[in-house]
Amino acid sequence: MTILLLLVPLSLVLLGVAIWAFVWAVRRGQFDDLDTPAIDILREDAPPAAAKPPQESADAD
């Protein structure tokens, strides 16, 4: 029964930390845009830069 004297305050502290973390995340804008990051993975990558011409070997002369 005495363990409740430890666990009840500990659970209240953990609840307070969870609420603080949630409020901190909302103020930082973590939940502002939930759709765009999921769509970004479906977009095609930009085409690679122009390919370099093959280097000529010195023995070709």
PDB file of N, CA and C in Angstrom:
ATOM      1  N   MET A   1       0.814  -1.196   0.000  1.00  0.00           N
ATOM      2  CA  MET A   1       0.000   0.000   0.000  1.00  0.00           C
ATOM      3  C   MET A   1       0.854   1.255   0.000  1.00  0.00           C
ATOM      4  N   THR A   2       2.030   1.151   0.600  1.00  0.00           N
ATOM      5  CA  THR A   2       2.901   2.329   0.645  1.00  0.00           C
ATOM      6  C   THR A   2       3.488   2.665  -0.718  1.00  0.00           C
ATOM      7  N   ILE A   3       3.482   1.678  -1.631  1.00  0.00           N
ATOM      8  CA  ILE A   3       4.001   1.944  -2.969  1.00  0.00           C
ATOM      9  C   ILE A   3       3.147   2.971  -3.696  1.00  0.00           C
ATOM     10  N   LEU A   4       1.873   3.056  -3.340  1.00  0.00           N
ATOM     11  CA  LEU A   4       0.997   4.061  -3.947  1.00  0.00           C
ATOM     12  C   LEU A   4       1.446   5.478  -3.609  1.00  0.00           C
ATOM     13  N   LEU A   5       2.058   5.641  -2.446  1.00  0.00           N
ATOM     14  CA  LEU A   5       2.561   6.964  -2.075  1.00  0.00           C
ATOM     15  C   LEU A   5       3.692   7.406  -3.002  1.00  0.00           C
ATOM     16  N   LEU A   6       4.351   6.453  -3.627  1.00  0.00           N
ATOM     17  CA  LEU A   6       5.409   6.767  -4.577  1.00  0.00           C
ATOM     18  C   LEU A   6       4.866   6.841  -6.007  1.00  0.00           C
ATOM     19  N   LEU A   7       3.997   5.907  -6.356  1.00  0.00           N
ATOM     20  CA  LEU A   7       3.549   5.812  -7.748  1.00  0.00           C
ATOM     21  C   LEU A   7       2.557   6.916  -8.139  1.00  0.00           C
ATOM     22  N   VAL A   8       1.714   7.338  -7.252  1.00  0.00           N
ATOM     23  CA  VAL A   8       0.743   8.387  -7.606  1.00  0.00           C
ATOM     24  C   VAL A   8       1.450   9.704  -7.915  1.00  0.00           C
ATOM     25  N   PRO A   9       2.362  10.199  -7.071  1.00  0.00           N
ATOM     26  CA  PRO A   9       3.071  11.431  -7.452  1.00  0.00           C
ATOM     27  C   PRO A   9       3.941  11.259  -8.694  1.00  0.00           C
ATOM     28  N   LEU A  10       4.535  10.083  -8.845  1.00  0.00           N
ATOM     29  CA  LEU A  10       5.358   9.842 -10.029  1.00  0.00           C
ATOM     30  C   LEU A  10       4.509   9.890 -11.296  1.00  0.00           C
ATOM     31  N   SER A  11       3.332   9.321 -11.257  1.00  0.00           N
ATOM     32  CA  SER A  11       2.454   9.357 -12.431  1.00  0.00           C
ATOM     33  C   SER A  11       1.976  10.778 -12.718  1.00  0.00           C
ATOM     34  N   LEU A  12       1.755  11.570 -11.696  1.00  0.00           N
ATOM     35  CA  LEU A  12       1.359  12.966 -11.914  1.00  0.00           C
ATOM     36  C   LEU A  12       2.495  13.764 -12.540  1.00  0.00           C
ATOM     37  N   VAL A  13       3.723  13.487 -12.149  1.00  0.00           N
ATOM     38  CA  VAL A  13       4.872  14.170 -12.742  1.00  0.00           C
ATOM     39  C   VAL A  13       5.002  13.782 -14.210  1.00  0.00           C
ATOM     40  N   LEU A  14       4.851  12.500 -14.520  1.00  0.00           N
ATOM     41  CA  LEU A  14       4.939  12.051 -15.908  1.00  0.00           C
ATOM     42  C   LEU A  14       3.817  12.645 -16.760  1.00  0.00           C
ATOM     43  N   LEU A  15       2.632  12.774 -16.192  1.00  0.00           N
ATOM     44  CA  LEU A  15       1.527  13.408 -16.897  1.00  0.00           C
ATOM     45  C   LEU A  15       1.841  14.871 -17.181  1.00  0.00           C
ATOM     46  N   GLY A  16       2.419  15.552 -16.226  1.00  0.00           N
ATOM     47  CA  GLY A  16       2.805  16.949 -16.425  1.00  0.00           C
ATOM     48  C   GLY A  16       3.853  17.097 -17.515  1.00  0.00           C
ATOM     49  N   VAL A  17       4.815  16.194 -17.550  1.00  0.00           N
ATOM     50  CA  VAL A  17       5.854  16.234 -18.597  1.00  0.00           C
ATOM     51  C   VAL A  17       5.234  15.978 -19.964  1.00  0.00           C
ATOM     52  N   ALA A  18       4.297  15.047 -20.053  1.00  0.00           N
ATOM     53  CA  ALA A  18       3.646  14.756 -21.330  1.00  0.00           C
ATOM     54  C   ALA A  18       2.835  15.946 -21.819  1.00  0.00           C
ATOM     55  N   ILE A  19       2.130  16.603 -20.941  1.00  0.00           N
ATOM     56  CA  ILE A  19       1.350  17.786 -21.331  1.00  0.00           C
ATOM     57  C   ILE A  19       2.283  18.908 -21.763  1.00  0.00           C
ATOM     58  N   TRP A  20       3.378  19.095 -21.043  1.00  0.00           N
ATOM     59  CA  TRP A  20       4.339  20.137 -21.415  1.00  0.00           C
ATOM     60  C   TRP A  20       4.929  19.843 -22.809  1.00  0.00           C
ATOM     61  N   ALA A  21       5.267  18.586 -23.088  1.00  0.00           N
ATOM     62  CA  ALA A  21       5.833  18.223 -24.391  1.00  0.00           C
ATOM     63  C   ALA A  21       4.826  18.446 -25.513  1.00  0.00           C
ATOM     64  N   PHE A  22       3.576  18.142 -25.262  1.00  0.00           N
ATOM     65  CA  PHE A  22       2.540  18.357 -26.272  1.00  0.00           C
ATOM     66  C   PHE A  22       2.370  19.842 -26.556  1.00  0.00           C
ATOM     67  N   VAL A  23       2.293  20.662 -25.529  1.00  0.00           N
ATOM     68  CA  VAL A  23       2.145  22.112 -25.717  1.00  0.00           C
ATOM     69  C   VAL A  23       3.369  22.674 -26.432  1.00  0.00           C
ATOM     70  N   TRP A  24       4.551  22.197 -26.086  1.00  0.00           N
ATOM     71  CA  TRP A  24       5.779  22.654 -26.735  1.00  0.00           C
ATOM     72  C   TRP A  24       5.757  22.308 -28.224  1.00  0.00           C
ATOM     73  N   ALA A  25       5.313  21.106 -28.561  1.00  0.00           N
ATOM     74  CA  ALA A  25       5.263  20.698 -29.959  1.00  0.00           C
ATOM     75  C   ALA A  25       4.234  21.510 -30.747  1.00  0.00           C
ATOM     76  N   VAL A  26       3.119  21.809 -30.147  1.00  0.00           N
ATOM     77  CA  VAL A  26       2.096  22.609 -30.837  1.00  0.00           C
ATOM     78  C   VAL A  26       2.611  24.021 -31.071  1.00  0.00           C
ATOM     79  N   ARG A  27       3.265  24.611 -30.103  1.00  0.00           N
ATOM     80  CA  ARG A  27       3.793  25.970 -30.266  1.00  0.00           C
ATOM     81  C   ARG A  27       4.922  26.023 -31.284  1.00  0.00           C
ATOM     82  N   ARG A  28       5.684  24.960 -31.456  1.00  0.00           N
ATOM     83  CA  ARG A  28       6.770  24.916 -32.429  1.00  0.00           C
ATOM     84  C   ARG A  28       6.283  24.632 -33.846  1.00  0.00           C
ATOM     85  N   GLY A  29       4.988  24.328 -34.002  1.00  0.00           N
ATOM     86  CA  GLY A  29       4.434  24.107 -35.338  1.00  0.00           C
ATOM     87  C   GLY A  29       4.604  22.702 -35.866  1.00  0.00           C
ATOM     88  N   GLN A  30       4.764  21.740 -34.988  1.00  0.00           N
ATOM     89  CA  GLN A  30       4.964  20.365 -35.426  1.00  0.00           C
ATOM     90  C   GLN A  30       3.724  19.774 -36.089  1.00  0.00           C
ATOM     91  N   PHE A  31       2.562  20.349 -35.827  1.00  0.00           N
ATOM     92  CA  PHE A  31       1.327  19.793 -36.366  1.00  0.00           C
ATOM     93  C   PHE A  31       0.700  20.718 -37.401  1.00  0.00           C
ATOM     94  N   ASP A  32       1.440  21.711 -37.906  1.00  0.00           N
ATOM     95  CA  ASP A  32       0.875  22.667 -38.852  1.00  0.00           C
ATOM     96  C   ASP A  32       0.601  22.036 -40.212  1.00  0.00           C
ATOM     97  N   ASP A  33       1.542  21.289 -40.755  1.00  0.00           N
ATOM     98  CA  ASP A  33       1.397  20.716 -42.087  1.00  0.00           C
ATOM     99  C   ASP A  33       1.584  19.205 -41.996  1.00  0.00           C
ATOM    100  N   LEU A  34       0.496  18.489 -41.988  1.00  0.00           N
ATOM    101  CA  LEU A  34       0.578  17.032 -41.854  1.00  0.00           C
ATOM    102  C   LEU A  34       0.466  16.323 -43.194  1.00  0.00           C
ATOM    103  N   ASP A  35       0.081  17.033 -44.267  1.00  0.00           N
ATOM    104  CA  ASP A  35      -0.148  16.391 -45.565  1.00  0.00           C
ATOM    105  C   ASP A  35       1.059  16.453 -46.485  1.00  0.00           C
ATOM    106  N   THR A  36       1.756  17.550 -46.541  1.00  0.00           N
ATOM    107  CA  THR A  36       2.837  17.720 -47.507  1.00  0.00           C
ATOM    108  C   THR A  36       3.978  16.715 -47.344  1.00  0.00           C
ATOM    109  N   PRO A  37       4.480  16.418 -46.166  1.00  0.00           N
ATOM    110  CA  PRO A  37       5.567  15.443 -46.074  1.00  0.00           C
ATOM    111  C   PRO A  37       5.184  14.061 -46.596  1.00  0.00           C
ATOM    112  N   ALA A  38       3.928  13.692 -46.505  1.00  0.00           N
ATOM    113  CA  ALA A  38       3.511  12.387 -47.020  1.00  0.00           C
ATOM    114  C   ALA A  38       3.474  12.385 -48.540  1.00  0.00           C
ATOM    115  N   ILE A  39       3.223  13.524 -49.154  1.00  0.00           N
ATOM    116  CA  ILE A  39       3.157  13.617 -50.610  1.00  0.00           C
ATOM    117  C   ILE A  39       4.556  13.786 -51.204  1.00  0.00           C
ATOM    118  N   ASP A  40       5.468  14.374 -50.485  1.00  0.00           N
ATOM    119  CA  ASP A  40       6.815  14.619 -51.011  1.00  0.00           C
ATOM    120  C   ASP A  40       7.508  13.339 -51.446  1.00  0.00           C
ATOM    121  N   ILE A  41       7.241  12.238 -50.808  1.00  0.00           N
ATOM    122  CA  ILE A  41       7.920  10.990 -51.161  1.00  0.00           C
ATOM    123  C   ILE A  41       7.437  10.458 -52.507  1.00  0.00           C
ATOM    124  N   LEU A  42       6.269  10.899 -52.978  1.00  0.00           N
ATOM    125  CA  LEU A  42       5.733  10.422 -54.244  1.00  0.00           C
ATOM    126  C   LEU A  42       6.210  11.248 -55.433  1.00  0.00           C
ATOM    127  N   ARG A  43       6.756  12.413 -55.192  1.00  0.00           N
ATOM    128  CA  ARG A  43       7.252  13.263 -56.279  1.00  0.00           C
ATOM    129  C   ARG A  43       8.519  12.676 -56.870  1.00  0.00           C
ATOM    130  N   GLU A  44       8.666  12.904 -58.180  1.00  0.00           N
ATOM    131  CA  GLU A  44       9.872  12.421 -58.837  1.00  0.00           C
ATOM    132  C   GLU A  44      11.037  13.330 -58.500  1.00  0.00           C
ATOM    133  N   ASP A  45      12.200  12.749 -58.506  1.00  0.00           N
ATOM    134  CA  ASP A  45      13.398  13.532 -58.246  1.00  0.00           C
ATOM    135  C   ASP A  45      13.700  14.410 -59.453  1.00  0.00           C
ATOM    136  N   ALA A  46      14.453  15.459 -59.225  1.00  0.00           N
ATOM    137  CA  ALA A  46      14.874  16.327 -60.314  1.00  0.00           C
ATOM    138  C   ALA A  46      15.798  15.541 -61.234  1.00  0.00           C
ATOM    139  N   PRO A  47      15.754  15.814 -62.550  1.00  0.00           N
ATOM    140  CA  PRO A  47      16.643  15.072 -63.452  1.00  0.00           C
ATOM    141  C   PRO A  47      18.099  15.383 -63.116  1.00  0.00           C
ATOM    142  N   PRO A  48      18.968  14.420 -63.338  1.00  0.00           N
ATOM    143  CA  PRO A  48      20.376  14.657 -63.012  1.00  0.00           C
ATOM    144  C   PRO A  48      20.963  15.733 -63.930  1.00  0.00           C
ATOM    145  N   ALA A  49      22.012  16.340 -63.483  1.00  0.00           N
ATOM    146  CA  ALA A  49      22.672  17.376 -64.277  1.00  0.00           C
ATOM    147  C   ALA A  49      23.178  16.751 -65.577  1.00  0.00           C
ATOM    148  N   ALA A  50      23.461  17.596 -66.564  1.00  0.00           N
ATOM    149  CA  ALA A  50      23.917  17.101 -67.866  1.00  0.00           C
ATOM    150  C   ALA A  50      25.110  16.167 -67.687  1.00  0.00           C
ATOM    151  N   ALA A  51      25.053  15.065 -68.401  1.00  0.00           N
ATOM    152  CA  ALA A  51      26.117  14.074 -68.273  1.00  0.00           C
ATOM    153  C   ALA A  51      27.392  14.594 -68.920  1.00  0.00           C
ATOM    154  N   LYS A  52      28.483  14.288 -68.282  1.00  0.00           N
ATOM    155  CA  LYS A  52      29.772  14.709 -68.831  1.00  0.00           C
ATOM    156  C   LYS A  52      30.107  13.820 -70.020  1.00  0.00           C
ATOM    157  N   PRO A  53      30.732  14.390 -71.064  1.00  0.00           N
ATOM    158  CA  PRO A  53      31.144  13.543 -72.185  1.00  0.00           C
ATOM    159  C   PRO A  53      32.247  12.601 -71.727  1.00  0.00           C
ATOM    160  N   PRO A  54      32.313  11.431 -72.328  1.00  0.00           N
ATOM    161  CA  PRO A  54      33.358  10.479 -71.907  1.00  0.00           C
ATOM    162  C   PRO A  54      34.742  11.065 -72.179  1.00  0.00           C
ATOM    163  N   GLN A  55      35.622  10.776 -71.262  1.00  0.00           N
ATOM    164  CA  GLN A  55      36.982  11.301 -71.406  1.00  0.00           C
ATOM    165  C   GLN A  55      37.713  10.502 -72.470  1.00  0.00           C
ATOM    166  N   GLU A  56      38.437  11.211 -73.308  1.00  0.00           N
ATOM    167  CA  GLU A  56      39.226  10.541 -74.342  1.00  0.00           C
ATOM    168  C   GLU A  56      40.507  10.033 -73.712  1.00  0.00           C
ATOM    169  N   SER A  57      40.919   8.888 -74.132  1.00  0.00           N
ATOM    170  CA  SER A  57      42.139   8.333 -73.557  1.00  0.00           C
ATOM    171  C   SER A  57      43.361   8.934 -74.273  1.00  0.00           C
ATOM    172  N   ALA A  58      44.480   8.966 -73.613  1.00  0.00           N
ATOM    173  CA  ALA A  58      45.706   9.533 -74.166  1.00  0.00           C
ATOM    174  C   ALA A  58      46.268   8.652 -75.266  1.00  0.00           C
ATOM    175  N   ASP A  59      45.894   7.366 -75.337  1.00  0.00           N
ATOM    176  CA  ASP A  59      46.415   6.443 -76.346  1.00  0.00           C
ATOM    177  C   ASP A  59      45.679   6.559 -77.676  1.00  0.00           C
ATOM    178  N   ALA A  60      44.638   7.381 -77.767  1.00  0.00           N
ATOM    179  CA  ALA A  60      43.834   7.463 -78.977  1.00  0.00           C
ATOM    180  C   ALA A  60      44.581   8.151 -80.115  1.00  0.00           C
ATOM    181  N   ASP A  61      45.672   8.854 -79.867  1.00  0.00           N
ATOM    182  CA  ASP A  61      46.392   9.579 -80.935  1.00  0.00           C
ATOM    183  C   ASP A  61      47.082   8.671 -81.868  1.00  0.00           C
TER     184      ASP A  61
END
